[in-house]
Amino acid sequence: MAPRTELEEQLVRIWQSVLNHHQIGIQDNFFEVGGHSLRATTLMAKIIRS
């Protein structure tokens, strides 16, 4: 499912950069599309900085 708000768009872009995966939707599970604990840490750091 495509992002519906500006915040969702920002989060999808961050997920895409962390996971190096360009087909992310708002209902995707981070761990099912290639995430793991170290990438989750990177994800949180990027979210906090944005």
Protein backbone atom coordinates (compact mmCIF):
# COMPACT_ATOMS: atom_id res chain seq x y z
CA MET A 1 0.00 0.00 0.00
CA ALA A 2 1.35 3.41 -0.97
CA PRO A 3 1.99 6.15 1.62
CA ARG A 4 -1.00 8.39 2.28
CA THR A 5 0.57 11.24 4.20
CA GLU A 6 3.82 13.21 4.12
CA LEU A 7 4.98 11.45 7.30
CA GLU A 8 4.36 8.03 5.78
CA GLU A 9 6.29 9.13 2.66
CA GLN A 10 9.26 10.18 4.81
CA LEU A 11 9.24 6.90 6.70
CA VAL A 12 9.04 4.86 3.49
CA ARG A 13 12.04 6.74 2.07
CA ILE A 14 14.01 6.01 5.26
CA TRP A 15 13.05 2.31 5.13
CA GLN A 16 14.09 2.19 1.47
CA SER A 17 17.50 3.65 2.24
CA VAL A 18 18.13 1.37 5.23
CA LEU A 19 16.94 -1.79 3.49
CA ASN A 20 18.21 -0.90 0.01
CA HIS A 21 14.82 -2.04 -1.22
CA HIS A 22 12.68 0.24 -3.39
CA GLN A 23 9.31 -1.52 -3.18
CA ILE A 24 8.27 -0.67 0.39
CA GLY A 25 4.64 -0.14 1.35
CA ILE A 26 3.14 1.16 4.56
CA GLN A 27 1.87 -2.28 5.57
CA ASP A 28 5.17 -4.11 5.00
CA ASN A 29 6.85 -5.80 7.95
CA PHE A 30 10.39 -4.47 8.46
CA PHE A 31 11.81 -7.88 9.32
CA GLU A 32 10.03 -9.69 6.49
CA VAL A 33 11.51 -7.38 3.85
CA GLY A 34 15.12 -7.80 4.96
CA GLY A 35 15.43 -5.95 8.25
CA HIS A 36 17.30 -7.23 11.28
CA SER A 37 18.39 -5.83 14.64
CA LEU A 38 21.36 -3.84 13.33
CA ARG A 39 19.31 -2.32 10.53
CA ALA A 40 16.57 -1.51 13.07
CA THR A 41 19.14 0.48 15.05
CA THR A 42 20.15 2.34 11.89
CA LEU A 43 16.48 2.93 11.07
CA MET A 44 15.79 4.45 14.48
CA ALA A 45 18.83 6.72 14.25
CA LYS A 46 17.70 8.02 10.85
CA ILE A 47 14.15 8.58 12.09
CA ILE A 48 15.41 10.52 15.10
CA ARG A 49 17.63 12.71 12.87
CA SER A 50 14.85 13.53 10.43
